[in-house]
Amino acid sequence: MEKAYKLLALQENISNKQAKELIDAGLVSAKGEKIVFARAQISEKTNFKILKIASAGVIFEDENVLAINKPAFLTSEKIAQQYANKHENISLLNRLDKDSSGVLLLAKNALFKERAIAEYRQKKVQKIYFAIVNGLFVEPLRIELPLSTTKTASGAFSKVDLKNGKEAITLVEPFMCEGKKSLVKISIQTGRTHQIRVHLAYFGFGILGEGKYAKSKAKRIYLHAYQTKLENSDEPPFSYDFRAALSKDFGEFFDLPKELL
């Protein structure tokens, strides 16, 4: 047995520091499961696989907004920093978890940011996600369970809290089933921290790769922000409908229709 980062360094002929950084970034897996702890003791016969981070693709851009298809393993903040060099006043309108992917929006001017944030606060933004969940999901489900969130040393943690929680509404529809996994379509009417992850885990359909609530192991969290619709009829009006194609790794489990690719 030896520490994971030391074995990885030997296998890839890199420094121990570089090996630690790769593991901390969530890019190293073995036997189909992500290596979480760089100092974990594992077999010296372990064969590691290093994931390559896909590039963030531009979905749409105009004078108001930049829409990005965020790949897994890049933080929303890092993507914003990358584009800040090109756009002086750019700022995030939404955030996605590091291990998830999909539509990420950045405002390019203060006026549009203010108007867009108002739409989010008034729950007028339509958001659709796709997720791979464990288990056979065959009937539509409307989840109305309040959530409360606390900050811990390892990050935010949310839970169903019927007494003190804030309103959280998640609508889930079956889309495809294969083996013991399902691809589900999700829309949310509120935007609580980890809302989709907590709600699905609560009903026994944890997202594949989601370790905090579902205790599921995979190379990433299979949650994708597929569509975001943002519109306002006030002068000057705007109407946007952004869609981000599912990443190729979703196709490892399902024969996806062309409309999602």
Protein backbone atom coordinates (compact mmCIF):
# COMPACT_ATOMS: atom_id res chain seq x y z
CA MET A 1 0.00 0.00 0.00
CA GLU A 2 1.17 3.54 -0.76
CA LYS A 3 -0.24 7.08 -0.85
CA ALA A 4 -2.27 7.75 -4.00
CA TYR A 5 -0.38 10.87 -5.06
CA LYS A 6 2.99 9.12 -4.83
CA LEU A 7 1.83 6.23 -7.00
CA LEU A 8 0.30 8.64 -9.50
CA ALA A 9 3.53 10.63 -9.65
CA LEU A 10 5.46 7.45 -10.47
CA GLN A 11 2.97 6.28 -13.07
CA GLU A 12 2.82 9.62 -14.91
CA ASN A 13 6.45 10.62 -14.29
CA ILE A 14 5.41 13.90 -12.67
CA SER A 15 6.22 15.57 -9.36
CA ASN A 16 4.37 14.74 -6.15
CA LYS A 17 3.00 18.29 -6.16
CA GLN A 18 1.58 17.91 -9.66
CA ALA A 19 0.04 14.58 -8.70
CA LYS A 20 -1.65 16.13 -5.65
CA GLU A 21 -3.04 18.98 -7.77
CA LEU A 22 -4.55 16.55 -10.27
CA ILE A 23 -6.25 14.54 -7.51
CA ASP A 24 -7.48 17.68 -5.72
CA ALA A 25 -8.95 18.90 -9.02
CA GLY A 26 -11.02 15.71 -9.24
CA LEU A 27 -9.33 14.55 -12.43
CA VAL A 28 -7.95 11.20 -11.30
CA SER A 29 -9.87 7.94 -11.18
CA ALA A 30 -9.19 4.24 -10.76
CA LYS A 31 -11.54 1.36 -11.52
CA GLY A 32 -14.20 3.86 -12.58
CA GLU A 33 -14.20 5.78 -9.29
CA LYS A 34 -12.75 9.19 -8.57
CA ILE A 35 -9.73 9.35 -6.25
CA VAL A 36 -10.83 11.84 -3.61
CA PHE A 37 -7.94 11.93 -1.14
CA ALA A 38 -4.38 12.44 -2.36
CA ARG A 39 -2.98 10.77 0.78
CA ALA A 40 -5.30 7.76 0.67
CA GLN A 41 -3.50 4.43 1.00
CA ILE A 42 -4.13 2.28 -2.07
CA SER A 43 -2.68 -0.76 -3.79
CA GLU A 44 0.61 -0.28 -5.61
CA LYS A 45 -0.94 -2.16 -8.55
CA THR A 46 -3.53 0.58 -9.08
CA ASN A 47 -3.83 1.87 -12.64
CA PHE A 48 -4.86 5.53 -12.70
CA LYS A 49 -6.77 7.38 -15.38
CA ILE A 50 -6.47 11.15 -15.76
CA LEU A 51 -9.43 13.00 -17.20
CA LYS A 52 -8.86 15.74 -19.70
CA ILE A 53 -10.91 18.88 -19.08
CA ALA A 54 -12.94 19.88 -22.11
CA SER A 55 -12.75 23.48 -23.26
CA ALA A 56 -15.54 25.86 -22.33
CA GLY A 57 -17.54 26.49 -25.49
CA VAL A 58 -19.32 29.73 -26.38
CA ILE A 59 -23.04 29.13 -27.03
CA PHE A 60 -23.96 32.75 -27.76
CA GLU A 61 -22.64 36.26 -27.32
CA ASP A 62 -23.98 39.76 -27.89
CA GLU A 63 -23.57 43.16 -26.24
CA ASN A 64 -25.41 42.01 -23.09
CA VAL A 65 -24.56 38.43 -22.33
CA LEU A 66 -22.04 35.67 -22.88
CA ALA A 67 -23.47 32.15 -22.68
CA ILE A 68 -20.97 29.32 -22.06
CA ASN A 69 -21.29 25.55 -22.11
CA LYS A 70 -19.32 24.89 -18.93
CA PRO A 71 -17.47 21.57 -18.82
CA ALA A 72 -17.23 19.51 -15.66
CA PHE A 73 -14.20 20.12 -13.39
CA LEU A 74 -13.91 23.84 -14.10
CA THR A 75 -15.35 26.26 -11.56
CA SER A 76 -17.72 28.98 -12.69
CA GLU A 77 -15.39 31.56 -11.17
CA LYS A 78 -12.40 30.33 -13.16
CA ILE A 79 -14.34 30.61 -16.41
CA ALA A 80 -15.40 34.14 -15.50
CA GLN A 81 -11.76 35.04 -14.83
CA GLN A 82 -10.75 33.69 -18.24
CA TYR A 83 -13.20 35.96 -20.03
CA ALA A 84 -12.57 38.96 -17.76
CA ASN A 85 -9.36 39.57 -19.71
CA LYS A 86 -11.45 40.22 -22.83
CA HIS A 87 -14.44 41.97 -21.26
CA GLU A 88 -13.82 44.57 -18.58
CA ASN A 89 -17.25 44.52 -16.89
CA ILE A 90 -18.09 40.83 -17.20
CA SER A 91 -19.63 39.07 -14.19
CA LEU A 92 -21.46 35.83 -13.37
CA LEU A 93 -25.25 35.66 -13.52
CA ASN A 94 -25.44 32.07 -12.28
CA ARG A 95 -23.11 29.43 -10.89
CA LEU A 96 -22.78 25.71 -11.48
CA ASP A 97 -21.09 23.19 -9.22
CA LYS A 98 -17.54 22.36 -10.24
CA ASP A 99 -18.32 18.75 -11.18
CA SER A 100 -21.49 19.60 -13.13
CA SER A 101 -21.81 21.12 -16.60
CA GLY A 102 -24.07 23.19 -18.82
CA VAL A 103 -25.35 26.72 -19.40
CA LEU A 104 -23.32 29.36 -17.58
CA LEU A 105 -24.28 33.00 -18.11
CA LEU A 106 -22.07 36.06 -17.77
CA ALA A 107 -23.39 39.62 -17.96
CA LYS A 108 -21.34 42.06 -20.05
CA ASN A 109 -22.72 45.31 -18.67
CA ALA A 110 -24.16 46.59 -15.39
CA LEU A 111 -27.62 47.44 -16.75
CA PHE A 112 -28.26 43.97 -18.17
CA LYS A 113 -26.88 42.34 -15.03
CA GLU A 114 -29.32 44.30 -12.86
CA ARG A 115 -32.30 43.41 -15.06
CA ALA A 116 -31.30 39.74 -15.36
CA ILE A 117 -30.80 39.35 -11.62
CA ALA A 118 -34.27 40.82 -11.09
CA GLU A 119 -35.68 38.07 -13.32
CA TYR A 120 -33.91 35.42 -11.24
CA ARG A 121 -35.18 36.91 -7.99
CA GLN A 122 -38.75 37.01 -9.30
CA LYS A 123 -38.46 33.33 -10.35
CA LYS A 124 -39.12 34.18 -14.00
CA VAL A 125 -36.06 32.37 -15.39
CA GLN A 126 -36.87 28.94 -16.82
CA LYS A 127 -34.17 26.34 -16.15
CA ILE A 128 -34.08 22.75 -17.37
CA TYR A 129 -31.50 20.17 -16.33
CA PHE A 130 -30.71 16.58 -17.24
CA ALA A 131 -29.25 14.13 -14.75
CA ILE A 132 -28.34 10.47 -14.60
CA VAL A 133 -29.78 8.94 -11.45
CA ASN A 134 -29.39 5.57 -9.80
CA GLY A 135 -32.52 3.44 -10.03
CA LEU A 136 -35.43 3.14 -12.45
CA PHE A 137 -37.30 6.44 -12.56
CA VAL A 138 -40.56 5.84 -14.46
CA GLU A 139 -43.17 8.36 -13.23
CA PRO A 140 -43.16 12.19 -13.06
CA LEU A 141 -42.47 13.59 -9.61
CA ARG A 142 -43.17 17.02 -8.14
CA ILE A 143 -41.02 17.67 -5.08
CA GLU A 144 -42.03 20.46 -2.71
CA LEU A 145 -39.74 20.12 0.28
CA PRO A 146 -38.19 23.16 2.03
CA LEU A 147 -34.43 23.24 2.39
CA SER A 148 -32.02 24.84 4.82
CA THR A 149 -28.32 25.33 4.18
CA THR A 150 -25.37 25.57 6.54
CA LYS A 151 -21.75 26.36 5.80
CA THR A 152 -19.21 23.79 6.91
CA ALA A 153 -15.46 23.40 6.61
CA SER A 154 -16.00 21.24 3.52
CA GLY A 155 -18.48 23.65 1.90
CA ALA A 156 -22.22 24.23 1.90
CA PHE A 157 -24.54 21.47 3.12
CA SER A 158 -28.29 21.50 2.51
CA LYS A 159 -31.01 19.32 3.96
CA VAL A 160 -34.78 18.93 3.95
CA ASP A 161 -36.02 21.08 6.81
CA LEU A 162 -39.80 21.10 7.22
CA LYS A 163 -39.69 23.54 10.13
CA ASN A 164 -37.17 26.22 9.19
CA GLY A 165 -36.34 25.53 5.54
CA LYS A 166 -37.00 27.82 2.57
CA GLU A 167 -39.40 26.90 -0.21
CA ALA A 168 -37.87 24.57 -2.82
CA ILE A 169 -39.78 23.12 -5.79
CA THR A 170 -38.32 20.57 -8.22
CA LEU A 171 -40.16 18.88 -11.10
CA VAL A 172 -38.69 15.62 -12.41
CA GLU A 173 -39.71 13.68 -15.53
CA PRO A 174 -38.45 10.30 -16.77
CA PHE A 175 -36.59 10.50 -20.10
CA MET A 176 -34.67 7.24 -20.64
CA CYS A 177 -33.85 4.10 -18.68
CA GLU A 178 -30.98 1.69 -19.20
CA GLY A 179 -30.09 -1.10 -16.78
CA LYS A 180 -30.38 0.28 -13.28
CA LYS A 181 -29.88 3.92 -14.26
CA SER A 182 -32.23 6.60 -15.56
CA LEU A 183 -31.82 9.84 -17.46
CA VAL A 184 -34.26 12.38 -16.05
CA LYS A 185 -35.37 15.84 -17.12
CA ILE A 186 -35.60 18.39 -14.33
CA SER A 187 -37.05 21.86 -14.01
CA ILE A 188 -36.79 23.99 -10.89
CA GLN A 189 -39.00 26.82 -9.71
CA THR A 190 -36.61 27.89 -6.97
CA GLY A 191 -32.83 27.98 -6.83
CA ARG A 192 -31.72 26.73 -3.42
CA THR A 193 -28.19 25.51 -2.81
CA HIS A 194 -27.81 21.89 -4.02
CA GLN A 195 -31.59 21.75 -4.47
CA ILE A 196 -31.69 19.12 -7.21
CA ARG A 197 -29.05 16.97 -5.56
CA VAL A 198 -30.81 16.96 -2.17
CA HIS A 199 -34.34 16.44 -3.51
CA LEU A 200 -33.41 13.52 -5.74
CA ALA A 201 -31.34 11.83 -3.02
CA TYR A 202 -34.21 12.26 -0.54
CA PHE A 203 -36.48 10.14 -2.77
CA GLY A 204 -33.83 7.48 -3.38
CA PHE A 205 -32.78 8.59 -6.86
CA GLY A 206 -29.34 9.98 -6.11
CA ILE A 207 -27.41 11.55 -8.99
CA LEU A 208 -24.64 9.35 -10.33
CA GLY A 209 -21.30 10.57 -8.97
CA GLU A 210 -22.88 12.78 -6.31
CA GLY A 211 -21.08 11.88 -3.10
CA LYS A 212 -22.30 14.41 -0.55
CA TYR A 213 -25.99 13.42 -0.48
CA ALA A 214 -26.30 10.32 -2.65
CA LYS A 215 -23.03 8.63 -1.61
CA SER A 216 -22.57 7.70 -5.27
CA LYS A 217 -19.15 7.24 -6.85
CA ALA A 218 -18.24 8.05 -10.45
CA LYS A 219 -15.75 10.21 -12.32
CA ARG A 220 -18.06 13.26 -12.17
CA ILE A 221 -21.49 14.44 -11.03
CA TYR A 222 -23.83 13.64 -13.91
CA LEU A 223 -25.90 16.81 -13.67
CA HIS A 224 -26.15 19.13 -16.67
CA ALA A 225 -27.83 22.54 -16.97
CA TYR A 226 -29.36 22.03 -20.41
CA GLN A 227 -31.55 25.09 -21.00
CA THR A 228 -32.00 28.60 -19.60
CA LYS A 229 -34.72 30.97 -20.84
CA LEU A 230 -34.41 34.60 -19.84
CA GLU A 231 -36.74 37.35 -21.05
CA ASN A 232 -38.10 40.76 -20.15
CA SER A 233 -40.70 42.81 -22.03
CA ASP A 234 -39.73 46.18 -20.55
CA GLU A 235 -37.88 48.65 -22.79
CA PRO A 236 -35.46 47.73 -24.13
CA PRO A 237 -36.91 44.18 -24.24
CA PHE A 238 -34.77 41.05 -24.37
CA SER A 239 -35.51 37.38 -24.94
CA TYR A 240 -32.89 34.63 -24.73
CA ASP A 241 -33.15 30.85 -24.94
CA PHE A 242 -29.80 29.13 -24.36
CA ARG A 243 -29.19 25.40 -24.73
CA ALA A 244 -26.00 23.49 -23.95
CA ALA A 245 -25.49 20.10 -25.57
CA LEU A 246 -24.91 17.20 -23.18
CA SER A 247 -21.27 16.20 -22.87
CA LYS A 248 -20.03 12.96 -24.43
CA ASP A 249 -19.73 11.16 -21.10
CA PHE A 250 -23.54 11.08 -20.79
CA GLY A 251 -23.47 8.98 -23.96
CA GLU A 252 -21.46 6.31 -22.16
CA PHE A 253 -24.69 5.26 -20.43
CA PHE A 254 -27.44 6.10 -22.93
CA ASP A 255 -27.97 6.27 -26.67
CA LEU A 256 -28.84 9.95 -26.60
CA PRO A 257 -31.21 11.55 -29.13
CA LYS A 258 -29.73 14.14 -31.48
CA GLU A 259 -31.77 16.91 -29.87
CA LEU A 260 -29.57 16.69 -26.74
CA LEU A 261 -26.22 16.61 -28.54
